[in-house]
Amino acid sequence: MKKLNYYYGMDACMALFVVLLFCKNIKGSWAVATVVAFALLFVLAYTSKAKVNNESEEAVKAKPEDACEPLLDVAPGAEHYGFDGIKANGKVFKAANGTHIVVKKDGSVKTKALTGKMVNAIRGGVLASPPDSCWNKLFDC
């Protein structure tokens, strides 16, 4: 069974909220309901596991969530849930909880969903150095 990417729901709530802000005939309760739904989806996304799809031709290494080792191999064409970061194309990428990232054919990393991109911009992204000693093996491989 496929797991949901709650960040897509957050994108929809954000778009609905913006539309509701500009609609003069809509009552405020719709805007409040949209904000509540956005908050609920954020909690669900933040507590879910990160997902990676490897669309590249080579296996990528992944650091398991809340563990130092062993590193995981994500085979070409495979997907994996529950990791903190990956190394693709010589770069280490930290994934925030609940985000869905894709390693593209050229080895570049793309985050899916607009709100997922915003969360990764704040709490993830390409790392220049290991945040702690558990990341050393991923940087060294």
C-alpha atoms as a PDB file:
ATOM      1  CA  MET A   1       0.000   0.000   0.000  1.00  0.00           C
ATOM      2  CA  LYS A   2       1.352   3.409  -0.936  1.00  0.00           C
ATOM      3  CA  LYS A   3       1.956   5.885   1.844  1.00  0.00           C
ATOM      4  CA  LEU A   4       0.512   9.365   1.509  1.00  0.00           C
ATOM      5  CA  ASN A   5       2.554  12.481   0.980  1.00  0.00           C
ATOM      6  CA  TYR A   6       0.766  14.895   3.316  1.00  0.00           C
ATOM      7  CA  TYR A   7       2.668  17.831   1.873  1.00  0.00           C
ATOM      8  CA  TYR A   8       0.469  17.645  -1.248  1.00  0.00           C
ATOM      9  CA  GLY A   9      -2.560  18.106   1.022  1.00  0.00           C
ATOM     10  CA  MET A  10      -0.825  21.061   2.644  1.00  0.00           C
ATOM     11  CA  ASP A  11      -0.273  22.545  -0.834  1.00  0.00           C
ATOM     12  CA  ALA A  12      -4.004  22.184  -1.556  1.00  0.00           C
ATOM     13  CA  CYS A  13      -4.955  23.784   1.795  1.00  0.00           C
ATOM     14  CA  MET A  14      -2.567  26.665   1.193  1.00  0.00           C
ATOM     15  CA  ALA A  15      -4.042  27.271  -2.276  1.00  0.00           C
ATOM     16  CA  LEU A  16      -7.604  27.107  -0.914  1.00  0.00           C
ATOM     17  CA  PHE A  17      -6.735  29.544   1.867  1.00  0.00           C
ATOM     18  CA  VAL A  18      -5.295  32.041  -0.632  1.00  0.00           C
ATOM     19  CA  VAL A  19      -8.440  31.746  -2.772  1.00  0.00           C
ATOM     20  CA  LEU A  20     -10.646  32.223   0.299  1.00  0.00           C
ATOM     21  CA  LEU A  21      -8.740  35.351   1.281  1.00  0.00           C
ATOM     22  CA  PHE A  22      -9.762  37.008  -1.975  1.00  0.00           C
ATOM     23  CA  CYS A  23     -13.396  35.836  -1.992  1.00  0.00           C
ATOM     24  CA  LYS A  24     -15.554  38.532  -0.433  1.00  0.00           C
ATOM     25  CA  ASN A  25     -18.698  36.340  -0.236  1.00  0.00           C
ATOM     26  CA  ILE A  26     -17.140  33.440   1.698  1.00  0.00           C
ATOM     27  CA  LYS A  27     -17.568  33.373   5.448  1.00  0.00           C
ATOM     28  CA  GLY A  28     -14.500  33.313   7.685  1.00  0.00           C
ATOM     29  CA  SER A  29     -15.252  29.800   8.948  1.00  0.00           C
ATOM     30  CA  TRP A  30     -13.955  28.317   5.674  1.00  0.00           C
ATOM     31  CA  ALA A  31     -10.640  30.086   6.116  1.00  0.00           C
ATOM     32  CA  VAL A  32     -10.391  28.871   9.712  1.00  0.00           C
ATOM     33  CA  ALA A  33     -11.235  25.297   8.639  1.00  0.00           C
ATOM     34  CA  THR A  34      -8.545  25.498   5.951  1.00  0.00           C
ATOM     35  CA  VAL A  35      -5.935  26.665   8.456  1.00  0.00           C
ATOM     36  CA  VAL A  36      -6.921  23.866  10.872  1.00  0.00           C
ATOM     37  CA  ALA A  37      -6.675  21.284   8.070  1.00  0.00           C
ATOM     38  CA  PHE A  38      -3.269  22.702   7.085  1.00  0.00           C
ATOM     39  CA  ALA A  39      -2.054  22.406  10.688  1.00  0.00           C
ATOM     40  CA  LEU A  40      -3.340  18.832  11.000  1.00  0.00           C
ATOM     41  CA  LEU A  41      -1.660  17.826   7.751  1.00  0.00           C
ATOM     42  CA  PHE A  42       1.571  19.474   8.929  1.00  0.00           C
ATOM     43  CA  VAL A  43       1.543  17.384  12.118  1.00  0.00           C
ATOM     44  CA  LEU A  44       0.876  14.222  10.079  1.00  0.00           C
ATOM     45  CA  ALA A  45       3.646  15.076   7.620  1.00  0.00           C
ATOM     46  CA  TYR A  46       6.150  15.966  10.321  1.00  0.00           C
ATOM     47  CA  THR A  47       5.553  12.723  12.215  1.00  0.00           C
ATOM     48  CA  SER A  48       5.704  10.510   9.099  1.00  0.00           C
ATOM     49  CA  LYS A  49       8.836   9.048   7.576  1.00  0.00           C
ATOM     50  CA  ALA A  50      10.782  10.568   4.698  1.00  0.00           C
ATOM     51  CA  LYS A  51      10.544   8.762   1.356  1.00  0.00           C
ATOM     52  CA  VAL A  52      13.065   8.530  -1.474  1.00  0.00           C
ATOM     53  CA  ASN A  53      12.507   7.264  -5.014  1.00  0.00           C
ATOM     54  CA  ASN A  54      15.698   6.407  -6.874  1.00  0.00           C
ATOM     55  CA  GLU A  55      15.160   7.061 -10.592  1.00  0.00           C
ATOM     56  CA  SER A  56      18.911   7.142 -11.295  1.00  0.00           C
ATOM     57  CA  GLU A  57      20.967   4.369 -12.880  1.00  0.00           C
ATOM     58  CA  GLU A  58      23.070   3.834  -9.730  1.00  0.00           C
ATOM     59  CA  ALA A  59      22.310   2.809  -6.175  1.00  0.00           C
ATOM     60  CA  VAL A  60      22.340   5.631  -3.641  1.00  0.00           C
ATOM     61  CA  LYS A  61      23.404   5.348  -0.027  1.00  0.00           C
ATOM     62  CA  ALA A  62      21.019   6.393   2.732  1.00  0.00           C
ATOM     63  CA  LYS A  63      21.556   7.063   6.436  1.00  0.00           C
ATOM     64  CA  PRO A  64      18.874   5.245   8.448  1.00  0.00           C
ATOM     65  CA  GLU A  65      16.565   7.320  10.590  1.00  0.00           C
ATOM     66  CA  ASP A  66      17.747   7.578  14.215  1.00  0.00           C
ATOM     67  CA  ALA A  67      20.694   5.220  13.639  1.00  0.00           C
ATOM     68  CA  CYS A  68      24.349   5.618  12.728  1.00  0.00           C
ATOM     69  CA  GLU A  69      24.782   2.474  10.700  1.00  0.00           C
ATOM     70  CA  PRO A  70      24.645   0.409   8.630  1.00  0.00           C
ATOM     71  CA  LEU A  71      24.087   2.603   5.594  1.00  0.00           C
ATOM     72  CA  LEU A  72      21.229   1.519   3.373  1.00  0.00           C
ATOM     73  CA  ASP A  73      21.469   0.907  -0.372  1.00  0.00           C
ATOM     74  CA  VAL A  74      18.535   2.212  -2.406  1.00  0.00           C
ATOM     75  CA  ALA A  75      18.688   0.365  -5.719  1.00  0.00           C
ATOM     76  CA  PRO A  76      17.840   1.998  -9.045  1.00  0.00           C
ATOM     77  CA  GLY A  77      14.063   2.095  -9.470  1.00  0.00           C
ATOM     78  CA  ALA A  78      13.435   1.396  -5.777  1.00  0.00           C
ATOM     79  CA  GLU A  79      11.818   3.485  -3.066  1.00  0.00           C
ATOM     80  CA  HIS A  80      12.644   3.555   0.621  1.00  0.00           C
ATOM     81  CA  TYR A  81      10.953   4.990   3.717  1.00  0.00           C
ATOM     82  CA  GLY A  82      12.555   6.024   6.990  1.00  0.00           C
ATOM     83  CA  PHE A  83      15.911   7.695   6.425  1.00  0.00           C
ATOM     84  CA  ASP A  84      17.602  10.918   7.497  1.00  0.00           C
ATOM     85  CA  GLY A  85      19.680  11.606   4.418  1.00  0.00           C
ATOM     86  CA  ILE A  86      21.093  10.262   1.184  1.00  0.00           C
ATOM     87  CA  LYS A  87      24.244  10.617  -0.858  1.00  0.00           C
ATOM     88  CA  ALA A  88      23.668  11.058  -4.563  1.00  0.00           C
ATOM     89  CA  ASN A  89      25.885  12.526  -7.242  1.00  0.00           C
ATOM     90  CA  GLY A  90      28.637  13.103  -4.658  1.00  0.00           C
ATOM     91  CA  LYS A  91      26.432  15.325  -2.459  1.00  0.00           C
ATOM     92  CA  VAL A  92      24.814  14.565   0.880  1.00  0.00           C
ATOM     93  CA  PHE A  93      21.188  15.631   1.145  1.00  0.00           C
ATOM     94  CA  LYS A  94      19.314  15.809   4.468  1.00  0.00           C
ATOM     95  CA  ALA A  95      15.580  15.095   4.176  1.00  0.00           C
ATOM     96  CA  ALA A  96      13.147  16.546   6.700  1.00  0.00           C
ATOM     97  CA  ASN A  97      10.547  14.201   8.195  1.00  0.00           C
ATOM     98  CA  GLY A  98       7.683  13.343   5.892  1.00  0.00           C
ATOM     99  CA  THR A  99       9.224  14.785   2.748  1.00  0.00           C
ATOM    100  CA  HIS A 100       9.247  12.878  -0.524  1.00  0.00           C
ATOM    101  CA  ILE A 101      12.426  13.241  -2.491  1.00  0.00           C
ATOM    102  CA  VAL A 102      13.382  11.858  -5.878  1.00  0.00           C
ATOM    103  CA  VAL A 103      16.888  11.116  -7.130  1.00  0.00           C
ATOM    104  CA  LYS A 104      16.572  11.926 -10.828  1.00  0.00           C
ATOM    105  CA  LYS A 105      18.333  10.108 -13.673  1.00  0.00           C
ATOM    106  CA  ASP A 106      21.208  12.605 -13.620  1.00  0.00           C
ATOM    107  CA  GLY A 107      21.730  12.064  -9.860  1.00  0.00           C
ATOM    108  CA  SER A 108      20.223  15.397  -8.811  1.00  0.00           C
ATOM    109  CA  VAL A 109      17.787  15.476  -5.905  1.00  0.00           C
ATOM    110  CA  LYS A 110      14.302  16.982  -6.156  1.00  0.00           C
ATOM    111  CA  THR A 111      11.808  17.494  -3.322  1.00  0.00           C
ATOM    112  CA  LYS A 112       8.161  16.942  -4.212  1.00  0.00           C
ATOM    113  CA  ALA A 113       5.345  19.306  -3.108  1.00  0.00           C
ATOM    114  CA  LEU A 114       5.739  23.048  -2.564  1.00  0.00           C
ATOM    115  CA  THR A 115       5.408  22.886   1.210  1.00  0.00           C
ATOM    116  CA  GLY A 116       7.804  19.926   1.291  1.00  0.00           C
ATOM    117  CA  LYS A 117      10.336  22.104  -0.539  1.00  0.00           C
ATOM    118  CA  MET A 118       9.833  24.890   1.998  1.00  0.00           C
ATOM    119  CA  VAL A 119      10.312  22.515   4.944  1.00  0.00           C
ATOM    120  CA  ASN A 120      13.453  21.035   3.375  1.00  0.00           C
ATOM    121  CA  ALA A 121      14.788  24.544   2.755  1.00  0.00           C
ATOM    122  CA  ILE A 122      14.551  25.179   6.499  1.00  0.00           C
ATOM    123  CA  ARG A 123      15.305  21.753   7.995  1.00  0.00           C
ATOM    124  CA  GLY A 124      17.091  19.876   5.209  1.00  0.00           C
ATOM    125  CA  GLY A 125      18.853  20.247   1.898  1.00  0.00           C
ATOM    126  CA  VAL A 126      22.434  19.750   0.774  1.00  0.00           C
ATOM    127  CA  LEU A 127      24.894  19.537   3.666  1.00  0.00           C
ATOM    128  CA  ALA A 128      28.437  20.887   3.502  1.00  0.00           C
ATOM    129  CA  SER A 129      29.596  19.034   6.623  1.00  0.00           C
ATOM    130  CA  PRO A 130      28.261  16.296   8.904  1.00  0.00           C
ATOM    131  CA  PRO A 131      25.806  17.635  11.529  1.00  0.00           C
ATOM    132  CA  ASP A 132      27.003  14.929  13.962  1.00  0.00           C
ATOM    133  CA  SER A 133      29.246  11.857  13.999  1.00  0.00           C
ATOM    134  CA  CYS A 134      26.449   9.563  12.744  1.00  0.00           C
ATOM    135  CA  TRP A 135      26.659  11.268   9.342  1.00  0.00           C
ATOM    136  CA  ASN A 136      30.422  10.634   8.908  1.00  0.00           C
ATOM    137  CA  LYS A 137      30.005   7.291   7.071  1.00  0.00           C
ATOM    138  CA  LEU A 138      27.576   8.835   4.592  1.00  0.00           C
ATOM    139  CA  PHE A 139      30.016  11.679   3.879  1.00  0.00           C
ATOM    140  CA  ASP A 140      32.938   9.238   3.554  1.00  0.00           C
ATOM    141  CA  CYS A 141      31.316   6.671   1.228  1.00  0.00           C
END
